[in-house]
Amino acid sequence: MKYVVIIGDGMADRPLNELGGKTPLQEAFTPNMDRLACEGIIGKVRTIPEGFHPGSDVANLSVLGYDPKKFYTGRASLEAASIGVELKEEDVAFRCNLVTLKFNRDKTLAMMEDYSGGHISTKEAGILINDINKELGTKQIKFYGGVSYRHLMVWSGGETDVECTPPHDIMGKDISDYLPVGSGENILRQLMLDSVDVLESHYINKERINNGKNPANSIWLWGQGEKPGLPKFRDKYSIEGALVSAVDLTKGLGIYADLEILKVPGVTGWLDTNYAGKAEAALTALKKNDFVYIHVESPDEAGHSGNYKDKIKAIEDFDALVVGAVMRGIKAFEEFRILIMPDHPTPIELRTHTAEPVPFVIYDNKQKRENKGANFDESILKRKDIMVFEEGYKLMDYFIGQKRS
């Protein structure tokens, strides 16, 4: 049996007036997912346990079959694994976004204008983070480059008992109410403040402004965590697996779960990502593995931007170039199951994640069902003929059909 999980990050949403009361997922043309919904097991699953922040780290941990209540230690520690930073026991990793702050005339106030620094390129960002490390790094604090706007700060002997806010949660808001609060807050705040002096005058940002792009004029520290300890996926489910994603936190989860991380050129996490390359890599991996996890970030990014047209495009490309390609290619195997779902909603109106349940479909080529009138969208959540998982990590147990630990 071959198993494929396909995640449209943040794909679920809420009804929009601009779409006549439909969600972007309902408005999008998704014939492949709709077909699977008609012939598969449909249901709803709560991927975010009560009391947890609705982040992609928590959600994907659940989807992979790990109980966040037992195994979650923080987002940035997962990203550290992805970019090859080995954390020591005393290390605390922080997510380090390159962001765009909009200041008032005398710089007494600042608004979060763009959590992604204008979706800055990895090449530009690498130069900026390298210079941030030269200027602000110490024996205890080091900065490491990641992908696009997503980077890392590691604080040896650092504090975890500090409240930090994700920058995508405060788009358009005054940052003064969302700066770090708790143990070590002064150090974190000072690093963020000092970064403005380094970045505002940087030639990279001057070029970006001249080209009509948002400058990455500050760092934003959040998502702190220590090194986690996950059981290996093969020990839980007795199968070998692989994972493909453009996002460091998802790849980090795969590394800690000891899944093979597939490398695909041109994956960006945005609308221009290499959708087809992910599908092709996943199908190739299935020749030697029985499980593959495909994560696509673009619907989530569009949700954070608040652009419903971009989100519809992301969903349609996801359906055509990933789901459709997998459905065609997987026919080479005699028996297979496909699980399709969002990890969490990212509503356009809120521009951030929410914790409510999301729809899923499990398609088994040997056990087809008939779900009259089913489409793959949020309407599944209201149906009475569905499966319900209140504890999201148990969905993987059901999908694979066994639990080893």
Protein backbone atom coordinates (compact mmCIF):
# COMPACT_ATOMS: atom_id res chain seq x y z
CA MET A 1 0.00 0.00 0.00
CA LYS A 2 1.24 3.49 -0.91
CA TYR A 3 0.19 6.48 1.17
CA VAL A 4 0.21 10.12 0.03
CA VAL A 5 -0.69 13.11 2.20
CA ILE A 6 -1.25 16.40 0.33
CA ILE A 7 -1.52 19.53 2.47
CA GLY A 8 -2.88 22.81 1.10
CA ASP A 9 -1.60 25.03 3.90
CA GLY A 10 -4.26 27.46 5.15
CA MET A 11 -6.60 26.47 2.32
CA ALA A 12 -9.78 26.57 4.44
CA ASP A 13 -11.46 29.95 4.90
CA ARG A 14 -14.68 31.77 5.78
CA PRO A 15 -17.44 33.10 3.49
CA LEU A 16 -16.63 36.38 1.75
CA ASN A 17 -19.07 39.07 0.57
CA GLU A 18 -16.88 39.60 -2.49
CA LEU A 19 -17.58 35.98 -3.48
CA GLY A 20 -21.31 36.08 -2.81
CA GLY A 21 -20.99 34.28 0.50
CA LYS A 22 -18.63 31.61 -0.79
CA THR A 23 -15.16 30.81 0.48
CA PRO A 24 -12.14 30.88 -1.85
CA LEU A 25 -12.11 27.06 -1.72
CA GLN A 26 -15.76 26.94 -2.79
CA GLU A 27 -15.20 29.49 -5.55
CA ALA A 28 -12.08 27.81 -6.95
CA PHE A 29 -12.28 25.29 -9.80
CA THR A 30 -11.06 22.07 -8.16
CA PRO A 31 -12.24 19.08 -10.20
CA ASN A 32 -9.59 16.71 -8.84
CA MET A 33 -10.30 17.30 -5.16
CA ASP A 34 -14.04 17.30 -5.82
CA ARG A 35 -13.80 13.90 -7.50
CA LEU A 36 -11.95 12.47 -4.52
CA ALA A 37 -14.55 13.94 -2.16
CA CYS A 38 -17.29 12.15 -4.10
CA GLU A 39 -15.52 8.80 -3.92
CA GLY A 40 -13.56 8.93 -0.64
CA ILE A 41 -14.05 9.08 3.09
CA ILE A 42 -14.86 12.67 4.01
CA GLY A 43 -14.73 14.26 7.41
CA LYS A 44 -13.53 17.02 9.68
CA VAL A 45 -10.53 17.10 11.96
CA ARG A 46 -9.33 19.46 14.68
CA THR A 47 -5.58 19.83 14.20
CA ILE A 48 -5.08 22.50 16.88
CA PRO A 49 -5.59 21.25 20.46
CA GLU A 50 -7.36 23.59 22.85
CA GLY A 51 -4.97 26.15 24.33
CA PHE A 52 -2.44 25.96 21.49
CA HIS A 53 -1.68 28.78 19.08
CA PRO A 54 -3.03 27.82 15.61
CA GLY A 55 0.34 27.66 13.91
CA SER A 56 1.41 25.47 11.01
CA ASP A 57 3.95 23.87 13.35
CA VAL A 58 1.27 22.57 15.72
CA ALA A 59 -1.09 21.66 12.89
CA ASN A 60 1.42 19.70 10.80
CA LEU A 61 2.72 17.96 13.92
CA SER A 62 -0.85 16.74 14.46
CA VAL A 63 -1.33 15.71 10.84
CA LEU A 64 1.88 13.67 10.91
CA GLY A 65 0.49 11.70 13.83
CA TYR A 66 2.23 13.33 16.81
CA ASP A 67 0.25 14.65 19.77
CA PRO A 68 1.27 18.32 20.24
CA LYS A 69 0.49 18.04 23.95
CA LYS A 70 3.37 15.56 24.23
CA PHE A 71 5.83 16.65 21.56
CA TYR A 72 5.49 20.37 20.77
CA THR A 73 8.39 22.53 22.00
CA GLY A 74 8.25 25.52 19.63
CA ARG A 75 8.40 26.46 15.98
CA ALA A 76 11.92 27.77 15.55
CA SER A 77 13.59 24.59 16.80
CA LEU A 78 11.97 22.75 13.88
CA GLU A 79 13.30 25.31 11.43
CA ALA A 80 16.76 24.94 12.92
CA ALA A 81 16.85 21.30 11.88
CA SER A 82 15.82 22.22 8.34
CA ILE A 83 18.65 24.67 7.77
CA GLY A 84 21.25 22.41 9.36
CA VAL A 85 21.61 24.13 12.73
CA GLU A 86 22.10 21.52 15.46
CA LEU A 87 20.73 22.81 18.74
CA LYS A 88 22.43 22.05 22.04
CA GLU A 89 20.43 21.37 25.18
CA GLU A 90 20.95 24.94 26.43
CA ASP A 91 20.02 26.59 23.11
CA VAL A 92 16.77 28.38 22.39
CA ALA A 93 15.93 29.03 18.74
CA PHE A 94 13.81 31.98 17.62
CA ARG A 95 12.19 32.48 14.25
CA CYS A 96 13.66 35.62 12.71
CA ASN A 97 11.46 37.22 10.04
CA LEU A 98 12.70 39.97 7.79
CA VAL A 99 9.75 42.37 7.89
CA THR A 100 8.71 45.78 6.60
CA LEU A 101 7.86 48.30 9.29
CA LYS A 102 6.19 51.59 8.40
CA PHE A 103 7.36 54.38 10.71
CA ASN A 104 5.78 57.72 11.43
CA ARG A 105 7.71 60.89 10.69
CA ASP A 106 9.70 61.04 13.95
CA LYS A 107 9.95 57.25 14.31
CA THR A 108 8.07 57.10 17.59
CA LEU A 109 5.56 54.61 16.17
CA ALA A 110 5.80 51.73 13.74
CA MET A 111 3.19 49.61 11.97
CA MET A 112 3.67 46.06 10.67
CA GLU A 113 3.29 46.70 6.96
CA ASP A 114 4.58 43.38 5.58
CA TYR A 115 5.49 40.24 7.56
CA SER A 116 7.56 38.96 4.61
CA GLY A 117 9.67 41.97 3.68
CA GLY A 118 8.00 42.03 0.28
CA HIS A 119 8.59 38.27 -0.16
CA ILE A 120 12.26 39.10 -0.37
CA SER A 121 14.40 36.71 -2.40
CA THR A 122 16.58 34.18 -0.62
CA LYS A 123 19.69 35.69 -2.22
CA GLU A 124 18.93 39.21 -0.98
CA ALA A 125 17.86 37.96 2.42
CA GLY A 126 21.02 35.92 2.84
CA ILE A 127 23.13 39.04 2.46
CA LEU A 128 21.00 40.94 4.99
CA ILE A 129 21.04 38.17 7.62
CA ASN A 130 24.79 37.74 7.19
CA ASP A 131 25.30 41.44 7.90
CA ILE A 132 22.86 41.31 10.83
CA ASN A 133 24.96 38.52 12.32
CA LYS A 134 28.16 40.53 11.82
CA GLU A 135 26.69 43.59 13.54
CA LEU A 136 24.46 42.05 16.22
CA GLY A 137 25.76 38.52 16.75
CA THR A 138 27.71 37.63 19.93
CA LYS A 139 29.12 34.50 21.55
CA GLN A 140 25.64 33.75 22.86
CA ILE A 141 23.52 34.99 19.93
CA LYS A 142 23.90 33.86 16.33
CA PHE A 143 21.78 34.50 13.22
CA TYR A 144 21.34 31.91 10.46
CA GLY A 145 19.93 32.36 6.96
CA GLY A 146 16.91 30.41 5.73
CA VAL A 147 14.56 30.82 2.76
CA SER A 148 13.08 34.15 1.61
CA TYR A 149 12.01 36.12 4.69
CA ARG A 150 12.22 33.12 7.10
CA HIS A 151 15.40 33.00 9.18
CA LEU A 152 16.70 31.94 12.58
CA MET A 153 18.31 33.33 15.71
CA VAL A 154 19.85 30.96 18.25
CA TRP A 155 20.40 32.19 21.83
CA SER A 156 22.69 30.00 23.90
CA GLY A 157 21.32 29.94 27.44
CA GLY A 158 18.31 31.90 26.25
CA GLU A 159 14.85 32.23 27.71
CA THR A 160 11.71 30.41 26.58
CA ASP A 161 9.30 32.00 29.06
CA VAL A 162 8.63 35.03 26.89
CA GLU A 163 5.52 35.90 24.91
CA CYS A 164 6.27 36.69 21.28
CA THR A 165 3.71 37.48 18.57
CA PRO A 166 3.85 36.15 15.00
CA PRO A 167 4.24 39.11 12.63
CA HIS A 168 1.54 37.82 10.26
CA ASP A 169 -0.95 38.19 13.14
CA ILE A 170 -0.46 41.95 13.40
CA MET A 171 -0.54 43.17 9.82
CA GLY A 172 -1.51 46.84 9.73
CA LYS A 173 -1.20 47.21 13.51
CA ASP A 174 1.02 49.31 15.76
CA ILE A 175 3.80 46.98 16.91
CA SER A 176 4.20 48.57 20.36
CA ASP A 177 1.54 46.32 21.90
CA TYR A 178 3.10 43.17 20.42
CA LEU A 179 6.77 43.37 21.31
CA PRO A 180 8.26 40.48 23.36
CA VAL A 181 7.07 40.34 26.97
CA GLY A 182 8.61 38.16 29.70
CA SER A 183 12.01 36.74 30.58
CA GLY A 184 14.66 38.15 28.25
CA GLU A 185 12.34 40.72 26.70
CA ASN A 186 14.90 43.53 26.92
CA ILE A 187 17.49 41.60 24.92
CA LEU A 188 14.98 40.60 22.24
CA ARG A 189 13.53 44.10 21.93
CA GLN A 190 17.00 45.63 21.67
CA LEU A 191 18.00 43.23 18.90
CA MET A 192 14.89 44.14 16.93
CA LEU A 193 15.50 47.86 17.45
CA ASP A 194 19.18 47.66 16.54
CA SER A 195 18.35 45.72 13.38
CA VAL A 196 16.54 48.75 11.98
CA ASP A 197 19.76 50.76 12.07
CA VAL A 198 21.57 48.00 10.17
CA LEU A 199 18.88 47.34 7.58
CA GLU A 200 17.38 50.72 6.72
CA SER A 201 20.61 52.03 5.21
CA HIS A 202 21.59 48.74 3.57
CA TYR A 203 22.19 48.86 -0.18
CA ILE A 204 19.88 45.86 -0.70
CA ASN A 205 16.96 47.80 0.72
CA LYS A 206 17.85 50.96 -1.16
CA GLU A 207 17.72 48.93 -4.37
CA ARG A 208 14.40 47.38 -3.38
CA ILE A 209 12.87 50.79 -2.70
CA ASN A 210 14.15 52.10 -6.04
CA ASN A 211 12.49 49.11 -7.71
CA GLY A 212 9.16 49.75 -6.00
CA LYS A 213 9.51 46.82 -3.55
CA ASN A 214 9.02 46.76 0.19
CA PRO A 215 12.30 47.01 2.09
CA ALA A 216 13.19 44.39 4.70
CA ASN A 217 13.96 47.07 7.27
CA SER A 218 13.71 45.13 10.54
CA ILE A 219 13.94 41.67 12.05
CA TRP A 220 11.06 40.22 14.09
CA LEU A 221 11.78 37.53 16.69
CA TRP A 222 9.16 34.97 17.67
CA GLY A 223 8.27 31.24 17.73
CA GLN A 224 10.95 30.28 20.29
CA GLY A 225 11.61 26.66 21.16
CA GLU A 226 14.09 24.09 22.38
CA LYS A 227 15.22 20.91 20.66
CA PRO A 228 12.30 18.44 20.45
CA GLY A 229 12.40 14.68 20.70
CA LEU A 230 10.06 12.95 18.23
CA PRO A 231 9.72 9.19 17.76
CA LYS A 232 10.73 8.20 14.26
CA PHE A 233 7.86 7.87 11.81
CA ARG A 234 8.97 4.37 10.79
CA ASP A 235 8.86 3.27 14.44
CA LYS A 236 5.27 4.51 14.76
CA TYR A 237 3.91 3.12 11.53
CA SER A 238 6.42 0.52 10.27
CA ILE A 239 6.82 2.23 6.87
CA GLU A 240 9.52 4.37 5.29
CA GLY A 241 8.54 7.86 4.21
CA ALA A 242 9.56 11.11 2.54
CA LEU A 243 8.49 14.75 2.72
CA VAL A 244 8.59 17.69 0.30
CA SER A 245 8.02 21.32 1.30
CA ALA A 246 9.40 24.80 0.70
CA VAL A 247 8.93 25.70 4.37
CA ASP A 248 11.68 25.13 6.91
CA LEU A 249 9.37 24.28 9.80
CA THR A 250 7.70 21.49 7.83
CA LYS A 251 11.03 20.15 6.63
CA GLY A 252 12.28 20.33 10.22
CA LEU A 253 9.37 18.17 11.34
CA GLY A 254 10.30 15.68 8.65
CA ILE A 255 13.93 15.65 9.77
CA TYR A 256 13.04 15.00 13.41
CA ALA A 257 10.61 12.27 12.27
CA ASP A 258 13.48 10.82 10.17
CA LEU A 259 11.63 11.15 6.87
CA GLU A 260 13.61 11.60 3.66
CA ILE A 261 13.54 15.29 2.69
CA LEU A 262 13.04 15.67 -1.03
CA LYS A 263 14.88 18.50 -2.76
CA VAL A 264 12.98 20.21 -5.55
CA PRO A 265 14.37 23.23 -7.45
CA GLY A 266 12.17 26.31 -7.64
CA VAL A 267 10.05 25.74 -4.52
CA THR A 268 9.35 29.14 -2.96
CA GLY A 269 6.25 28.81 -0.79
CA TRP A 270 4.53 31.45 -2.94
CA LEU A 271 2.37 31.53 -6.07
CA ASP A 272 5.42 30.97 -8.26
CA THR A 273 6.45 27.75 -6.54
CA ASN A 274 7.27 24.61 -8.52
CA TYR A 275 4.00 22.74 -7.94
CA ALA A 276 4.64 20.16 -10.65
CA GLY A 277 8.14 19.48 -9.35
CA LYS A 278 6.75 18.59 -5.92
CA ALA A 279 4.29 16.12 -7.39
CA GLU A 280 6.94 14.54 -9.61
CA ALA A 281 9.41 14.21 -6.72
CA ALA A 282 6.73 12.63 -4.52
CA LEU A 283 5.80 10.04 -7.14
CA THR A 284 9.45 9.17 -7.68
CA ALA A 285 9.96 8.78 -3.92
CA LEU A 286 7.06 6.31 -3.76
CA LYS A 287 9.10 3.83 -5.79
CA LYS A 288 11.26 3.16 -2.73
CA ASN A 289 9.07 4.54 0.09
CA ASP A 290 5.52 3.67 1.05
CA PHE A 291 4.63 7.14 2.39
CA VAL A 292 5.10 10.69 1.14
CA TYR A 293 3.98 14.01 2.61
CA ILE A 294 3.49 16.91 0.18
CA HIS A 295 3.17 20.36 1.76
CA VAL A 296 2.15 23.39 -0.34
CA GLU A 297 2.39 26.79 1.33
CA SER A 298 0.93 29.18 -1.25
CA PRO A 299 -2.75 29.21 -0.11
CA ASP A 300 -1.59 30.20 3.36
CA GLU A 301 0.61 33.00 2.08
CA ALA A 302 -2.28 34.35 0.03
CA GLY A 303 -4.51 34.20 3.12
CA HIS A 304 -1.99 36.25 5.08
CA SER A 305 -1.84 38.81 2.29
CA GLY A 306 -5.63 39.22 2.39
CA ASN A 307 -5.93 38.74 -1.37
CA TYR A 308 -8.77 36.35 -2.20
CA LYS A 309 -7.90 36.30 -5.92
CA ASP A 310 -4.39 35.09 -5.12
CA LYS A 311 -5.82 32.47 -2.78
CA ILE A 312 -8.20 31.15 -5.44
CA LYS A 313 -5.31 30.93 -7.90
CA ALA A 314 -3.16 29.12 -5.34
CA ILE A 315 -5.93 26.60 -4.67
CA GLU A 316 -6.60 26.02 -8.37
CA ASP A 317 -2.90 25.50 -9.08
CA PHE A 318 -2.68 23.15 -6.09
CA ASP A 319 -5.58 21.11 -7.46
CA ALA A 320 -4.38 21.01 -11.06
CA LEU A 321 -0.62 20.75 -10.69
CA VAL A 322 -0.24 18.76 -7.48
CA VAL A 323 -3.43 16.79 -6.79
CA GLY A 324 -4.12 16.11 -10.47
CA ALA A 325 -0.55 15.06 -11.17
CA VAL A 326 -0.47 12.74 -8.16
CA MET A 327 -3.80 11.16 -9.16
CA ARG A 328 -2.46 10.40 -12.63
CA GLY A 329 0.95 9.15 -11.56
CA ILE A 330 -0.10 7.05 -8.59
CA LYS A 331 -2.05 4.71 -10.85
CA ALA A 332 1.27 2.99 -11.47
CA PHE A 333 0.87 1.39 -8.04
CA GLU A 334 -1.66 -1.35 -7.36
CA GLU A 335 -2.96 -0.09 -4.00
CA PHE A 336 -2.87 3.43 -2.64
CA ARG A 337 -4.51 5.92 -0.33
CA ILE A 338 -4.50 9.71 -0.65
CA LEU A 339 -5.26 12.10 2.21
CA ILE A 340 -6.00 15.72 1.22
CA MET A 341 -6.64 18.51 3.72
CA PRO A 342 -5.64 21.97 4.91
CA ASP A 343 -3.58 22.01 8.08
CA HIS A 344 -5.64 24.93 9.45
CA PRO A 345 -7.77 27.79 8.08
CA THR A 346 -6.20 31.12 7.11
CA PRO A 347 -9.23 33.37 6.54
CA ILE A 348 -8.81 36.25 4.13
CA GLU A 349 -10.78 38.58 6.41
CA LEU A 350 -8.45 37.91 9.36
CA ARG A 351 -5.15 37.44 7.49
CA THR A 352 -4.02 34.94 10.12
CA HIS A 353 -4.56 31.35 11.24
CA THR A 354 -7.58 30.10 13.17
CA ALA A 355 -8.10 26.94 15.19
CA GLU A 356 -11.45 25.61 13.94
CA PRO A 357 -11.68 22.14 12.35
CA VAL A 358 -10.83 21.60 8.69
CA PRO A 359 -12.25 19.20 6.07
CA PHE A 360 -10.39 16.15 4.84
CA VAL A 361 -10.84 13.37 2.32
CA ILE A 362 -9.22 9.94 2.28
CA TYR A 363 -9.35 8.22 -1.10
CA ASP A 364 -8.66 4.48 -1.25
CA ASN A 365 -8.53 3.05 -4.77
CA LYS A 366 -9.77 -0.32 -3.50
CA GLN A 367 -12.63 1.01 -1.35
CA LYS A 368 -14.46 3.73 -3.26
CA ARG A 369 -17.51 5.37 -1.74
CA GLU A 370 -20.39 7.43 -3.04
CA ASN A 371 -20.92 10.80 -1.37
CA LYS A 372 -23.77 12.47 -3.21
CA GLY A 373 -23.32 16.18 -3.80
CA ALA A 374 -19.93 16.33 -2.12
CA ASN A 375 -17.32 18.90 -3.06
CA PHE A 376 -13.99 19.33 -1.34
CA ASP A 377 -14.62 22.51 0.61
CA GLU A 378 -15.86 23.74 3.97
CA SER A 379 -19.39 22.43 3.28
CA ILE A 380 -18.08 19.00 4.31
CA LEU A 381 -17.91 20.26 7.88
CA LYS A 382 -21.70 20.62 8.01
CA ARG A 383 -22.57 17.20 6.61
CA LYS A 384 -23.87 14.46 8.89
CA ASP A 385 -22.38 11.54 6.94
CA ILE A 386 -18.77 12.29 7.84
CA MET A 387 -16.00 11.04 10.10
CA VAL A 388 -14.94 13.34 12.95
CA PHE A 389 -11.54 13.48 14.66
CA GLU A 390 -11.44 15.82 17.65
CA GLU A 391 -7.80 14.87 18.27
CA GLY A 392 -6.01 15.57 15.03
CA TYR A 393 -3.04 13.29 15.57
CA LYS A 394 -5.34 10.25 15.46
CA LEU A 395 -6.21 10.88 11.80
CA MET A 396 -2.82 9.55 10.67
CA ASP A 397 -3.38 6.39 12.71
CA TYR A 398 -6.65 5.85 10.85
CA PHE A 399 -5.20 6.78 7.46
CA ILE A 400 -2.37 4.28 7.68
CA GLY A 401 -4.58 1.77 9.44
CA GLN A 402 -2.33 0.89 12.32
CA LYS A 403 -0.60 2.40 15.31
CA ARG A 404 2.75 1.17 16.55
CA SER A 405 3.37 3.52 19.49
